[in-house]
């Protein structure tokens, strides 16, 4: 364990390297901390950062092996005023882990043997939150909805897709890559580590484009999640138009057998004009809120 003097010496070296344009310094995300006032939780909106690890991608075929939840409270500006440490559980899938899952998570079969998620506590923590946040919420949400059907109407926000990372000057949306671009690194693919490092990432501040005002990514995400959007479905689009729709940002919805995308209401007029120009039939829209997104 490093002493205070050795940490200070290391930090001095890091600052020296930062002054050199040929180097980039990455610091470890600080260890998880408990930051709650004594007594009851503070006044403010409750959020919960969520991450799952599973035996595969198919919610119908595969199993949940780890769940982590990080409850926090935010003020009216979307800034964190209190938070727990990550609360996490392992669960025995009662089948051998695939090699790729062992490599990805670092878990092996005996780590999970006899373990189970405390569903009563987990469900209570998620129910308490006004907004659930995950980095790739469409993945995490389907596992939570399957495990806890009573929570299927909860509001969700996705830190990967609902923050304009490119507009803020960052390339890519992978959590570890974004952390690195902010000057940090963390252990990946263990649920507890992932929710804590996501909290650290979201609390980073960057200027509002076109303004000098500093704002946290969490504040941006909470604001974005509160705005209604429109699900646009290219119903009846000919097969020959699939490449143009894909290039436009549409994704194939296998369940609905339709190409779809999500747009701000103000962009619908331009989208209708594009459909006419492409010779596509009129699209169908459905308003989405945080409760309907990421299903």
Protein backbone atom coordinates (compact mmCIF):
# COMPACT_ATOMS: atom_id res chain seq x y z
CA UNK A 1 0.00 0.00 0.00
CA UNK A 2 1.38 3.38 -0.98
CA UNK A 3 2.08 5.98 1.69
CA UNK A 4 0.93 9.57 1.38
CA UNK A 5 4.44 10.67 0.40
CA UNK A 6 4.76 8.07 -2.36
CA UNK A 7 1.33 9.02 -3.76
CA UNK A 8 2.38 12.67 -3.76
CA UNK A 9 5.64 11.78 -5.52
CA UNK A 10 3.77 9.75 -8.15
CA UNK A 11 1.32 12.59 -8.71
CA UNK A 12 4.22 15.02 -9.16
CA UNK A 13 5.65 12.76 -11.89
CA UNK A 14 2.22 12.48 -13.51
CA UNK A 15 1.86 16.25 -13.63
CA UNK A 16 5.30 16.53 -15.22
CA UNK A 17 4.29 14.04 -17.92
CA UNK A 18 1.03 15.91 -18.54
CA UNK A 19 3.02 18.94 -19.58
CA UNK A 20 4.64 16.90 -22.35
CA UNK A 21 2.46 16.72 -25.50
CA UNK A 22 3.87 13.24 -26.31
CA UNK A 23 2.27 11.72 -23.22
CA UNK A 24 -1.20 11.23 -21.86
CA UNK A 25 -1.69 10.34 -18.21
CA UNK A 26 -4.49 8.08 -16.98
CA UNK A 27 -5.37 8.02 -13.30
CA UNK A 28 -7.22 5.21 -11.55
CA UNK A 29 -10.84 5.97 -10.72
CA UNK A 30 -10.88 6.57 -6.93
CA UNK A 31 -12.07 3.71 -4.74
CA UNK A 32 -15.81 3.52 -4.15
CA UNK A 33 -17.00 5.68 -1.27
CA UNK A 34 -20.14 6.01 0.84
CA UNK A 35 -21.35 9.62 0.92
CA UNK A 36 -24.68 9.78 2.75
CA UNK A 37 -25.72 12.21 5.50
CA UNK A 38 -26.73 10.78 8.88
CA UNK A 39 -30.39 9.96 9.21
CA UNK A 40 -32.84 9.61 6.32
CA UNK A 41 -31.84 10.14 2.67
CA UNK A 42 -31.66 13.79 1.59
CA UNK A 43 -34.37 15.66 -0.23
CA UNK A 44 -33.90 15.38 -3.96
CA UNK A 45 -34.50 13.11 -6.89
CA UNK A 46 -33.32 9.52 -6.45
CA UNK A 47 -31.49 7.81 -9.28
CA UNK A 48 -29.95 4.35 -9.47
CA UNK A 49 -27.07 3.31 -11.69
CA UNK A 50 -27.53 -0.29 -12.80
CA UNK A 51 -25.29 -2.92 -14.40
CA UNK A 52 -25.75 -6.62 -15.04
CA UNK A 53 -23.40 -9.41 -16.05
CA UNK A 54 -24.95 -12.42 -17.77
CA UNK A 55 -24.04 -15.76 -19.33
CA UNK A 56 -24.95 -14.40 -22.77
CA UNK A 57 -26.96 -11.85 -24.72
CA UNK A 58 -30.31 -13.65 -25.03
CA UNK A 59 -32.62 -12.89 -22.08
CA UNK A 60 -34.76 -15.93 -22.94
CA UNK A 61 -31.84 -18.37 -23.15
CA UNK A 62 -29.12 -17.06 -20.87
CA UNK A 63 -28.92 -16.22 -17.15
CA UNK A 64 -28.08 -13.34 -14.86
CA UNK A 65 -24.87 -13.87 -12.87
CA UNK A 66 -24.22 -10.44 -11.34
CA UNK A 67 -26.28 -7.36 -10.51
CA UNK A 68 -25.02 -4.04 -9.16
CA UNK A 69 -27.03 -1.01 -8.08
CA UNK A 70 -25.67 2.38 -7.00
CA UNK A 71 -28.41 4.59 -5.47
CA UNK A 72 -27.77 8.34 -5.48
CA UNK A 73 -29.64 11.60 -4.94
CA UNK A 74 -29.40 14.66 -7.15
CA UNK A 75 -30.44 18.28 -6.74
CA UNK A 76 -32.57 20.34 -9.11
CA UNK A 77 -29.58 20.92 -11.38
CA UNK A 78 -28.90 17.20 -11.75
CA UNK A 79 -25.79 17.23 -9.56
CA UNK A 80 -25.08 14.47 -7.04
CA UNK A 81 -25.66 15.46 -3.43
CA UNK A 82 -25.41 12.00 -1.80
CA UNK A 83 -24.79 8.40 -2.80
CA UNK A 84 -24.25 4.88 -1.54
CA UNK A 85 -21.38 2.61 -2.49
CA UNK A 86 -22.30 0.04 -5.15
CA UNK A 87 -24.44 -2.80 -3.82
CA UNK A 88 -23.83 -5.99 -5.79
CA UNK A 89 -24.69 -9.67 -5.81
CA UNK A 90 -23.46 -12.75 -7.62
CA UNK A 91 -25.78 -15.56 -8.67
CA UNK A 92 -25.16 -19.21 -9.48
CA UNK A 93 -26.46 -20.04 -12.99
CA UNK A 94 -26.21 -23.76 -12.19
CA UNK A 95 -24.30 -24.36 -15.40
CA UNK A 96 -20.65 -23.92 -16.43
CA UNK A 97 -19.67 -20.46 -17.62
CA UNK A 98 -18.69 -20.11 -21.25
CA UNK A 99 -14.99 -19.40 -21.80
CA UNK A 100 -15.75 -15.97 -23.30
CA UNK A 101 -17.77 -14.98 -20.23
CA UNK A 102 -14.94 -16.13 -17.93
CA UNK A 103 -12.48 -14.08 -19.95
CA UNK A 104 -14.75 -11.04 -20.06
CA UNK A 105 -15.71 -10.92 -16.37
CA UNK A 106 -12.86 -12.75 -14.67
CA UNK A 107 -15.46 -14.90 -12.90
CA UNK A 108 -15.12 -18.66 -12.71
CA UNK A 109 -17.69 -21.28 -11.73
CA UNK A 110 -16.68 -21.57 -8.07
CA UNK A 111 -17.05 -17.78 -7.63
CA UNK A 112 -20.78 -18.22 -8.24
CA UNK A 113 -21.43 -21.53 -6.54
CA UNK A 114 -24.29 -21.22 -4.06
CA UNK A 115 -24.64 -17.45 -4.58
CA UNK A 116 -27.96 -15.67 -5.18
CA UNK A 117 -29.29 -12.15 -5.64
CA UNK A 118 -31.30 -10.68 -2.77
CA UNK A 119 -34.37 -9.97 -4.89
CA UNK A 120 -36.30 -8.24 -2.11
CA UNK A 121 -33.54 -5.71 -1.50
CA UNK A 122 -32.67 -5.28 -5.17
CA UNK A 123 -36.28 -4.69 -6.15
CA UNK A 124 -36.78 -2.23 -3.28
CA UNK A 125 -33.70 -0.21 -4.30
CA UNK A 126 -34.80 -0.05 -7.93
CA UNK A 127 -38.38 0.78 -6.99
CA UNK A 128 -37.17 3.67 -4.80
CA UNK A 129 -35.38 5.32 -7.73
CA UNK A 130 -37.15 7.86 -9.92
CA UNK A 131 -34.76 7.13 -12.80
CA UNK A 132 -32.64 4.06 -13.62
CA UNK A 133 -29.41 4.69 -15.52
CA UNK A 134 -27.23 2.23 -17.44
CA UNK A 135 -24.52 2.48 -20.08
CA UNK A 136 -26.40 0.58 -22.83
CA UNK A 137 -29.78 0.64 -21.14
CA UNK A 138 -31.49 -1.44 -23.83
CA UNK A 139 -29.42 -4.42 -22.63
CA UNK A 140 -29.73 -3.92 -18.88
CA UNK A 141 -33.40 -3.00 -18.99
CA UNK A 142 -34.53 -6.23 -20.61
CA UNK A 143 -32.85 -8.26 -17.85
CA UNK A 144 -34.33 -6.10 -15.09
CA UNK A 145 -37.81 -6.18 -16.65
CA UNK A 146 -37.63 -9.96 -16.95
CA UNK A 147 -36.43 -10.40 -13.36
CA UNK A 148 -38.74 -7.81 -11.80
CA UNK A 149 -41.92 -7.42 -13.91
CA UNK A 150 -43.37 -4.96 -11.39
CA UNK A 151 -40.66 -2.47 -12.48
CA UNK A 152 -41.43 -2.64 -16.20
CA UNK A 153 -42.86 0.89 -16.25
CA UNK A 154 -39.82 2.54 -14.62
CA UNK A 155 -38.09 5.44 -16.33
CA UNK A 156 -34.67 4.62 -17.83
CA UNK A 157 -31.82 6.70 -19.22
CA UNK A 158 -28.91 5.50 -21.35
CA UNK A 159 -25.56 7.20 -20.83
CA UNK A 160 -24.23 5.67 -24.06
CA UNK A 161 -26.92 6.96 -26.43
CA UNK A 162 -28.57 9.95 -24.73
CA UNK A 163 -25.45 12.09 -24.31
CA UNK A 164 -24.03 13.71 -27.45
CA UNK A 165 -20.49 12.50 -26.81
CA UNK A 166 -19.32 13.44 -30.31
CA UNK A 167 -20.70 16.95 -29.96
CA UNK A 168 -18.75 17.27 -26.71
CA UNK A 169 -15.52 16.29 -28.48
CA UNK A 170 -15.30 12.58 -27.62
CA UNK A 171 -15.07 9.79 -30.17
CA UNK A 172 -16.76 6.50 -29.43
CA UNK A 173 -19.27 5.60 -26.72
CA UNK A 174 -17.71 2.62 -24.90
CA UNK A 175 -17.50 3.35 -21.18
CA UNK A 176 -13.82 2.52 -20.75
CA UNK A 177 -12.89 4.53 -23.84
CA UNK A 178 -14.82 7.56 -22.59
CA UNK A 179 -13.15 7.26 -19.19
CA UNK A 180 -9.75 7.20 -20.86
CA UNK A 181 -10.56 10.32 -22.87
CA UNK A 182 -11.34 12.02 -19.57
CA UNK A 183 -8.02 10.85 -18.10
CA UNK A 184 -9.20 7.88 -16.03
CA UNK A 185 -9.18 4.08 -16.08
CA UNK A 186 -11.02 1.41 -14.10
CA UNK A 187 -11.60 -2.31 -13.90
CA UNK A 188 -14.22 -3.33 -16.48
CA UNK A 189 -16.92 -6.00 -16.81
CA UNK A 190 -17.63 -6.51 -13.15
CA UNK A 191 -20.95 -4.95 -12.29
CA UNK A 192 -19.91 -3.16 -9.09
CA UNK A 193 -16.81 -1.63 -10.69
CA UNK A 194 -18.81 -0.62 -13.75
CA UNK A 195 -21.52 1.31 -11.90
CA UNK A 196 -18.94 3.11 -9.77
CA UNK A 197 -16.79 4.10 -12.75
CA UNK A 198 -19.94 5.17 -14.61
CA UNK A 199 -20.83 7.44 -11.70
CA UNK A 200 -17.32 8.91 -11.86
CA UNK A 201 -17.62 9.44 -15.63
CA UNK A 202 -21.02 11.11 -15.38
CA UNK A 203 -19.81 13.52 -12.70
CA UNK A 204 -17.10 14.87 -15.00
CA UNK A 205 -17.80 18.39 -16.24
CA UNK A 206 -17.27 19.84 -19.68
CA UNK A 207 -18.27 23.19 -21.23
CA UNK A 208 -21.65 23.52 -22.88
CA UNK A 209 -20.93 23.77 -26.65
CA UNK A 210 -20.95 27.42 -27.67
CA UNK A 211 -20.75 28.54 -24.05
CA UNK A 212 -18.19 28.64 -21.29
CA UNK A 213 -20.63 27.16 -18.78
CA UNK A 214 -19.39 23.95 -17.18
CA UNK A 215 -21.93 21.16 -16.81
CA UNK A 216 -21.73 17.55 -15.69
CA UNK A 217 -22.60 14.70 -18.04
CA UNK A 218 -25.11 13.48 -15.47
CA UNK A 219 -27.02 16.77 -15.65
CA UNK A 220 -27.03 16.48 -19.45
CA UNK A 221 -28.32 12.92 -19.28
CA UNK A 222 -31.11 13.67 -16.82
CA UNK A 223 -32.28 16.57 -18.96
CA UNK A 224 -32.16 14.51 -22.16
CA UNK A 225 -34.09 11.63 -20.60
CA UNK A 226 -36.90 13.98 -19.55
CA UNK A 227 -37.58 15.16 -23.11
CA UNK A 228 -40.15 13.22 -25.18
CA UNK A 229 -38.91 11.90 -28.51
CA UNK A 230 -40.57 10.26 -31.51
CA UNK A 231 -40.08 6.66 -32.58
CA UNK A 232 -40.11 6.75 -36.38
CA UNK A 233 -40.97 3.49 -38.16
CA UNK A 234 -40.44 3.13 -41.89
CA UNK A 235 -43.51 0.92 -42.34
CA UNK A 236 -43.77 -0.56 -45.82
CA UNK A 237 -40.26 0.50 -46.87
CA UNK A 238 -39.08 -1.57 -49.86
CA UNK A 239 -36.21 -3.98 -49.28
CA UNK A 240 -34.17 -2.04 -51.85
CA UNK A 241 -34.15 1.00 -49.51
CA UNK A 242 -32.61 -0.81 -46.53
CA UNK A 243 -29.07 0.45 -47.13
CA UNK A 244 -30.22 4.07 -47.33
CA UNK A 245 -32.26 3.69 -44.15
CA UNK A 246 -29.32 2.08 -42.38
CA UNK A 247 -27.01 4.88 -43.51
CA UNK A 248 -29.59 7.36 -42.21
CA UNK A 249 -29.33 5.82 -38.73
CA UNK A 250 -32.30 3.45 -38.83
CA UNK A 251 -32.02 0.04 -37.19
CA UNK A 252 -33.82 -3.15 -38.06
CA UNK A 253 -36.40 -4.11 -35.43
CA UNK A 254 -36.62 -7.88 -35.87
CA UNK A 255 -39.61 -8.21 -33.55
CA UNK A 256 -41.66 -5.58 -35.40
CA UNK A 257 -40.03 -6.34 -38.76
CA UNK A 258 -39.52 -2.66 -39.49
CA UNK A 259 -36.68 -0.15 -39.79
CA UNK A 260 -36.90 2.45 -37.02
CA UNK A 261 -35.07 5.34 -35.38
CA UNK A 262 -35.66 7.85 -32.60
CA UNK A 263 -35.84 11.57 -33.37
CA UNK A 264 -36.56 14.86 -31.65
CA UNK A 265 -40.04 16.13 -32.56
CA UNK A 266 -38.49 19.17 -34.25
CA UNK A 267 -36.71 16.91 -36.77
CA UNK A 268 -39.86 15.23 -38.12
CA UNK A 269 -40.51 17.77 -40.90
CA UNK A 270 -37.04 17.30 -42.34
CA UNK A 271 -37.44 13.53 -42.06
CA UNK A 272 -40.72 13.63 -43.98
CA UNK A 273 -39.01 15.61 -46.73
CA UNK A 274 -36.21 13.03 -46.88
CA UNK A 275 -38.74 10.19 -47.16
CA UNK A 276 -40.46 11.95 -50.07
CA UNK A 277 -37.12 12.55 -51.79
CA UNK A 278 -36.22 8.85 -51.38
CA UNK A 279 -39.58 7.68 -52.69
CA UNK A 280 -40.48 6.02 -49.38
CA UNK A 281 -44.03 5.65 -48.08
CA UNK A 282 -45.00 7.92 -45.13
CA UNK A 283 -43.52 6.80 -41.83
CA UNK A 284 -45.43 6.06 -38.64
CA UNK A 285 -44.55 7.78 -35.35
CA UNK A 286 -45.04 7.04 -31.67
CA UNK A 287 -44.11 9.36 -28.82
CA UNK A 288 -41.56 7.94 -26.37
CA UNK A 289 -40.78 8.98 -22.82
CA UNK A 290 -38.14 7.63 -20.44
CA UNK A 291 -40.65 4.96 -19.41
CA UNK A 292 -40.97 3.55 -22.95
CA UNK A 293 -37.40 3.92 -24.21
CA UNK A 294 -34.73 1.23 -24.31
CA UNK A 295 -37.11 -1.72 -24.41
